[in-house]
């Protein structure tokens, strides 16, 4: 319960900060861009706190919200001719990746891995079936997205470091007892 309060507080603080910066004219974020940052922050916070507590539902929900924020970011920062055609494949891809994170929290449950691979493959099939895919355009767009969200990658790396050091400390503490 404590972790969900922290996630809510951080997300609410980010919302207030974005609104203040918008009102003062320092930043000019639209609604979708604001939702993008809120989804990224809230999703990552929920995922992180759930991963530490091995809460499978929270891991799925947090990664789903975070990855939905990435889809919103792609839609916000890049011109997509028909974004409605991406909704259905994105849901499959996001669900597959989210189930993979659940599998990583409990590697004994192979069902999560199988479902994640199936959902991810279906999403990729529908995505590539509906668009005119060009590898070099995709790599260039991916690079532009990484440049726009470099701070999210750094935050992700820092949190992963703390997760692994926390897990190692728990294992060392439990082995000492």
C-alpha atoms as a PDB file:
ATOM      1  CA  UNK A   1       0.000   0.000   0.000  1.00  0.00           C
ATOM      2  CA  UNK A   2       2.877   2.330   0.785  1.00  0.00           C
ATOM      3  CA  UNK A   3       4.317   1.934  -2.720  1.00  0.00           C
ATOM      4  CA  UNK A   4       1.031   2.812  -4.428  1.00  0.00           C
ATOM      5  CA  UNK A   5       0.850   6.027  -2.415  1.00  0.00           C
ATOM      6  CA  UNK A   6       4.357   6.953  -3.553  1.00  0.00           C
ATOM      7  CA  UNK A   7       3.463   6.229  -7.192  1.00  0.00           C
ATOM      8  CA  UNK A   8       0.319   8.345  -6.884  1.00  0.00           C
ATOM      9  CA  UNK A   9       2.247  11.187  -5.237  1.00  0.00           C
ATOM     10  CA  UNK A  10       4.956  11.218  -7.894  1.00  0.00           C
ATOM     11  CA  UNK A  11       2.425  11.044 -10.739  1.00  0.00           C
ATOM     12  CA  UNK A  12       0.283  13.791  -9.220  1.00  0.00           C
ATOM     13  CA  UNK A  13       3.372  15.962  -8.650  1.00  0.00           C
ATOM     14  CA  UNK A  14       4.388  15.493 -12.283  1.00  0.00           C
ATOM     15  CA  UNK A  15       0.903  16.490 -13.419  1.00  0.00           C
ATOM     16  CA  UNK A  16       0.947  19.623 -11.268  1.00  0.00           C
ATOM     17  CA  UNK A  17       4.441  20.514 -12.490  1.00  0.00           C
ATOM     18  CA  UNK A  18       3.426  20.093 -16.151  1.00  0.00           C
ATOM     19  CA  UNK A  19       0.297  22.198 -15.622  1.00  0.00           C
ATOM     20  CA  UNK A  20       2.268  24.986 -13.911  1.00  0.00           C
ATOM     21  CA  UNK A  21       4.905  24.972 -16.651  1.00  0.00           C
ATOM     22  CA  UNK A  22       2.137  25.074 -19.283  1.00  0.00           C
ATOM     23  CA  UNK A  23       0.345  27.964 -17.575  1.00  0.00           C
ATOM     24  CA  UNK A  24       3.528  29.997 -17.208  1.00  0.00           C
ATOM     25  CA  UNK A  25       4.426  29.398 -20.851  1.00  0.00           C
ATOM     26  CA  UNK A  26       7.737  27.708 -20.131  1.00  0.00           C
ATOM     27  CA  UNK A  27       6.530  24.480 -21.764  1.00  0.00           C
ATOM     28  CA  UNK A  28       3.812  23.902 -24.302  1.00  0.00           C
ATOM     29  CA  UNK A  29       2.487  20.382 -23.779  1.00  0.00           C
ATOM     30  CA  UNK A  30      -0.753  19.215 -25.317  1.00  0.00           C
ATOM     31  CA  UNK A  31      -3.121  16.772 -23.672  1.00  0.00           C
ATOM     32  CA  UNK A  32      -1.705  13.689 -25.396  1.00  0.00           C
ATOM     33  CA  UNK A  33       1.879  14.671 -24.588  1.00  0.00           C
ATOM     34  CA  UNK A  34       0.925  15.221 -20.946  1.00  0.00           C
ATOM     35  CA  UNK A  35      -0.778  11.818 -20.875  1.00  0.00           C
ATOM     36  CA  UNK A  36       2.365  10.325 -22.394  1.00  0.00           C
ATOM     37  CA  UNK A  37       4.550  11.514 -19.535  1.00  0.00           C
ATOM     38  CA  UNK A  38       1.937  10.549 -16.937  1.00  0.00           C
ATOM     39  CA  UNK A  39       1.593   7.039 -18.365  1.00  0.00           C
ATOM     40  CA  UNK A  40       5.365   6.626 -18.495  1.00  0.00           C
ATOM     41  CA  UNK A  41       5.801   7.811 -14.912  1.00  0.00           C
ATOM     42  CA  UNK A  42       2.834   5.997 -13.379  1.00  0.00           C
ATOM     43  CA  UNK A  43       3.414   2.795 -15.308  1.00  0.00           C
ATOM     44  CA  UNK A  44       7.071   2.660 -14.415  1.00  0.00           C
ATOM     45  CA  UNK A  45       6.314   3.378 -10.756  1.00  0.00           C
ATOM     46  CA  UNK A  46       3.641   0.695 -10.558  1.00  0.00           C
ATOM     47  CA  UNK A  47       5.889  -1.791 -12.344  1.00  0.00           C
ATOM     48  CA  UNK A  48       8.839  -1.034 -10.075  1.00  0.00           C
ATOM     49  CA  UNK A  49       6.937  -1.313  -6.799  1.00  0.00           C
ATOM     50  CA  UNK A  50       5.146  -4.459  -7.967  1.00  0.00           C
ATOM     51  CA  UNK A  51       8.371  -6.060  -9.140  1.00  0.00           C
ATOM     52  CA  UNK A  52       9.923  -5.545  -5.717  1.00  0.00           C
ATOM     53  CA  UNK A  53       6.890  -7.156  -4.060  1.00  0.00           C
ATOM     54  CA  UNK A  54       6.512  -9.858  -6.753  1.00  0.00           C
ATOM     55  CA  UNK A  55       2.927  -8.735  -7.413  1.00  0.00           C
ATOM     56  CA  UNK A  56       2.147 -10.259 -10.819  1.00  0.00           C
ATOM     57  CA  UNK A  57      -0.984  -8.193 -11.420  1.00  0.00           C
ATOM     58  CA  UNK A  58       0.861  -4.988 -10.660  1.00  0.00           C
ATOM     59  CA  UNK A  59       3.780  -6.000 -12.882  1.00  0.00           C
ATOM     60  CA  UNK A  60       1.396  -6.594 -15.771  1.00  0.00           C
ATOM     61  CA  UNK A  61      -0.593  -3.400 -15.153  1.00  0.00           C
ATOM     62  CA  UNK A  62       2.498  -1.237 -14.665  1.00  0.00           C
ATOM     63  CA  UNK A  63       4.247  -2.464 -17.774  1.00  0.00           C
ATOM     64  CA  UNK A  64       1.000  -2.192 -19.771  1.00  0.00           C
ATOM     65  CA  UNK A  65       0.534   1.433 -18.696  1.00  0.00           C
ATOM     66  CA  UNK A  66       4.219   2.242 -19.330  1.00  0.00           C
ATOM     67  CA  UNK A  67       4.213   0.673 -22.792  1.00  0.00           C
ATOM     68  CA  UNK A  68       0.941   2.444 -23.609  1.00  0.00           C
ATOM     69  CA  UNK A  69       2.767   5.662 -22.794  1.00  0.00           C
ATOM     70  CA  UNK A  70       5.445   4.704 -25.306  1.00  0.00           C
ATOM     71  CA  UNK A  71       2.761   4.124 -27.966  1.00  0.00           C
ATOM     72  CA  UNK A  72       1.309   7.549 -27.147  1.00  0.00           C
ATOM     73  CA  UNK A  73       4.797   9.040 -27.449  1.00  0.00           C
ATOM     74  CA  UNK A  74       5.249   7.498 -30.875  1.00  0.00           C
ATOM     75  CA  UNK A  75       1.871   8.861 -31.937  1.00  0.00           C
ATOM     76  CA  UNK A  76       2.693  12.294 -30.492  1.00  0.00           C
ATOM     77  CA  UNK A  77       6.194  12.817 -31.850  1.00  0.00           C
ATOM     78  CA  UNK A  78       5.965  11.061 -35.211  1.00  0.00           C
ATOM     79  CA  UNK A  79       3.609  11.378 -38.120  1.00  0.00           C
ATOM     80  CA  UNK A  80       1.622   8.201 -38.490  1.00  0.00           C
ATOM     81  CA  UNK A  81      -0.721   8.260 -41.434  1.00  0.00           C
ATOM     82  CA  UNK A  82      -3.378   6.072 -39.916  1.00  0.00           C
ATOM     83  CA  UNK A  83      -2.880   5.645 -36.151  1.00  0.00           C
ATOM     84  CA  UNK A  84      -6.141   3.706 -35.760  1.00  0.00           C
ATOM     85  CA  UNK A  85      -4.564   0.829 -37.660  1.00  0.00           C
ATOM     86  CA  UNK A  86      -1.924   0.557 -34.908  1.00  0.00           C
ATOM     87  CA  UNK A  87      -4.305   0.160 -31.960  1.00  0.00           C
ATOM     88  CA  UNK A  88      -5.120  -3.524 -32.422  1.00  0.00           C
ATOM     89  CA  UNK A  89      -1.523  -4.698 -33.046  1.00  0.00           C
ATOM     90  CA  UNK A  90      -0.231  -2.445 -30.243  1.00  0.00           C
ATOM     91  CA  UNK A  91      -2.575  -4.077 -27.735  1.00  0.00           C
ATOM     92  CA  UNK A  92      -1.196  -7.511 -28.627  1.00  0.00           C
ATOM     93  CA  UNK A  93       2.425  -6.363 -28.540  1.00  0.00           C
ATOM     94  CA  UNK A  94       2.013  -4.507 -25.235  1.00  0.00           C
ATOM     95  CA  UNK A  95       0.183  -7.466 -23.670  1.00  0.00           C
ATOM     96  CA  UNK A  96       2.906  -9.833 -24.846  1.00  0.00           C
ATOM     97  CA  UNK A  97       5.715  -7.719 -23.422  1.00  0.00           C
ATOM     98  CA  UNK A  98       3.790  -7.212 -20.172  1.00  0.00           C
ATOM     99  CA  UNK A  99       3.293 -10.961 -19.774  1.00  0.00           C
ATOM    100  CA  UNK A 100       7.006 -11.443 -20.420  1.00  0.00           C
ATOM    101  CA  UNK A 101       7.753  -9.139 -17.459  1.00  0.00           C
ATOM    102  CA  UNK A 102       5.375 -11.251 -15.366  1.00  0.00           C
ATOM    103  CA  UNK A 103       7.272 -14.354 -16.478  1.00  0.00           C
ATOM    104  CA  UNK A 104      10.563 -12.736 -15.435  1.00  0.00           C
ATOM    105  CA  UNK A 105       9.181 -12.294 -11.913  1.00  0.00           C
ATOM    106  CA  UNK A 106       8.280 -15.998 -11.674  1.00  0.00           C
ATOM    107  CA  UNK A 107      10.306 -18.083 -14.106  1.00  0.00           C
ATOM    108  CA  UNK A 108       8.597 -21.288 -12.966  1.00  0.00           C
ATOM    109  CA  UNK A 109       5.392 -20.243 -14.723  1.00  0.00           C
ATOM    110  CA  UNK A 110       6.207 -21.135 -18.335  1.00  0.00           C
ATOM    111  CA  UNK A 111       2.592 -20.373 -19.307  1.00  0.00           C
ATOM    112  CA  UNK A 112       3.332 -16.644 -19.072  1.00  0.00           C
ATOM    113  CA  UNK A 113       6.266 -17.038 -21.447  1.00  0.00           C
ATOM    114  CA  UNK A 114       4.239 -19.000 -23.997  1.00  0.00           C
ATOM    115  CA  UNK A 115       1.355 -16.518 -23.883  1.00  0.00           C
ATOM    116  CA  UNK A 116       3.747 -13.589 -24.149  1.00  0.00           C
ATOM    117  CA  UNK A 117       5.440 -15.033 -27.238  1.00  0.00           C
ATOM    118  CA  UNK A 118       2.079 -15.795 -28.878  1.00  0.00           C
ATOM    119  CA  UNK A 119       0.630 -12.340 -28.183  1.00  0.00           C
ATOM    120  CA  UNK A 120       3.811 -10.573 -29.280  1.00  0.00           C
ATOM    121  CA  UNK A 121       3.999 -12.634 -32.494  1.00  0.00           C
ATOM    122  CA  UNK A 122       0.330 -11.961 -33.304  1.00  0.00           C
ATOM    123  CA  UNK A 123       0.841  -8.252 -32.740  1.00  0.00           C
ATOM    124  CA  UNK A 124       3.920  -8.134 -34.940  1.00  0.00           C
ATOM    125  CA  UNK A 125       2.124 -10.133 -37.646  1.00  0.00           C
ATOM    126  CA  UNK A 126      -0.859  -7.760 -37.653  1.00  0.00           C
ATOM    127  CA  UNK A 127       1.418  -4.718 -37.507  1.00  0.00           C
ATOM    128  CA  UNK A 128       3.562  -5.757 -40.451  1.00  0.00           C
ATOM    129  CA  UNK A 129       0.516  -6.984 -42.342  1.00  0.00           C
ATOM    130  CA  UNK A 130      -1.181  -3.572 -42.043  1.00  0.00           C
ATOM    131  CA  UNK A 131       1.707  -1.228 -42.767  1.00  0.00           C
ATOM    132  CA  UNK A 132       4.274  -0.741 -45.475  1.00  0.00           C
ATOM    133  CA  UNK A 133       7.302  -1.626 -43.381  1.00  0.00           C
ATOM    134  CA  UNK A 134      10.731  -0.307 -44.313  1.00  0.00           C
ATOM    135  CA  UNK A 135      13.590  -1.353 -42.032  1.00  0.00           C
ATOM    136  CA  UNK A 136      15.732   1.775 -42.436  1.00  0.00           C
ATOM    137  CA  UNK A 137      12.798   4.117 -41.778  1.00  0.00           C
ATOM    138  CA  UNK A 138      11.967   2.068 -38.673  1.00  0.00           C
ATOM    139  CA  UNK A 139      15.555   2.232 -37.367  1.00  0.00           C
ATOM    140  CA  UNK A 140      15.702   5.980 -38.003  1.00  0.00           C
ATOM    141  CA  UNK A 141      12.392   6.532 -36.185  1.00  0.00           C
ATOM    142  CA  UNK A 142      13.540   4.314 -33.319  1.00  0.00           C
ATOM    143  CA  UNK A 143      16.760   6.330 -33.021  1.00  0.00           C
ATOM    144  CA  UNK A 144      14.764   9.605 -32.967  1.00  0.00           C
ATOM    145  CA  UNK A 145      12.508   8.188 -30.260  1.00  0.00           C
ATOM    146  CA  UNK A 146      15.518   7.140 -28.165  1.00  0.00           C
ATOM    147  CA  UNK A 147      16.988  10.630 -28.502  1.00  0.00           C
ATOM    148  CA  UNK A 148      13.738  12.227 -27.315  1.00  0.00           C
ATOM    149  CA  UNK A 149      13.379   9.899 -24.317  1.00  0.00           C
ATOM    150  CA  UNK A 150      16.990   9.422 -23.231  1.00  0.00           C
ATOM    151  CA  UNK A 151      16.103  10.418 -19.669  1.00  0.00           C
ATOM    152  CA  UNK A 152      13.525   7.611 -19.479  1.00  0.00           C
ATOM    153  CA  UNK A 153      16.222   5.124 -20.482  1.00  0.00           C
ATOM    154  CA  UNK A 154      18.572   6.463 -17.807  1.00  0.00           C
ATOM    155  CA  UNK A 155      15.784   6.273 -15.214  1.00  0.00           C
ATOM    156  CA  UNK A 156      15.039   2.722 -16.315  1.00  0.00           C
ATOM    157  CA  UNK A 157      18.717   1.729 -15.970  1.00  0.00           C
ATOM    158  CA  UNK A 158      18.933   3.258 -12.478  1.00  0.00           C
ATOM    159  CA  UNK A 159      15.787   1.482 -11.316  1.00  0.00           C
ATOM    160  CA  UNK A 160      17.010  -1.838 -12.727  1.00  0.00           C
ATOM    161  CA  UNK A 161      20.249  -1.359 -10.819  1.00  0.00           C
ATOM    162  CA  UNK A 162      18.332  -0.795  -7.577  1.00  0.00           C
ATOM    163  CA  UNK A 163      16.085  -3.789  -8.268  1.00  0.00           C
ATOM    164  CA  UNK A 164      19.021  -6.142  -8.717  1.00  0.00           C
ATOM    165  CA  UNK A 165      20.946  -4.784  -5.738  1.00  0.00           C
ATOM    166  CA  UNK A 166      17.769  -5.024  -3.629  1.00  0.00           C
ATOM    167  CA  UNK A 167      17.174  -8.605  -4.721  1.00  0.00           C
ATOM    168  CA  UNK A 168      20.804  -9.503  -3.971  1.00  0.00           C
ATOM    169  CA  UNK A 169      20.541  -7.907  -0.520  1.00  0.00           C
ATOM    170  CA  UNK A 170      17.334  -9.864   0.182  1.00  0.00           C
ATOM    171  CA  UNK A 171      19.000 -13.084  -0.902  1.00  0.00           C
ATOM    172  CA  UNK A 172      22.100 -12.365   1.189  1.00  0.00           C
ATOM    173  CA  UNK A 173      19.962 -11.456   4.193  1.00  0.00           C
ATOM    174  CA  UNK A 174      17.831 -14.602   3.868  1.00  0.00           C
ATOM    175  CA  UNK A 175      20.908 -16.825   3.409  1.00  0.00           C
ATOM    176  CA  UNK A 176      22.454 -15.405   6.598  1.00  0.00           C
ATOM    177  CA  UNK A 177      19.415 -16.424   8.626  1.00  0.00           C
END
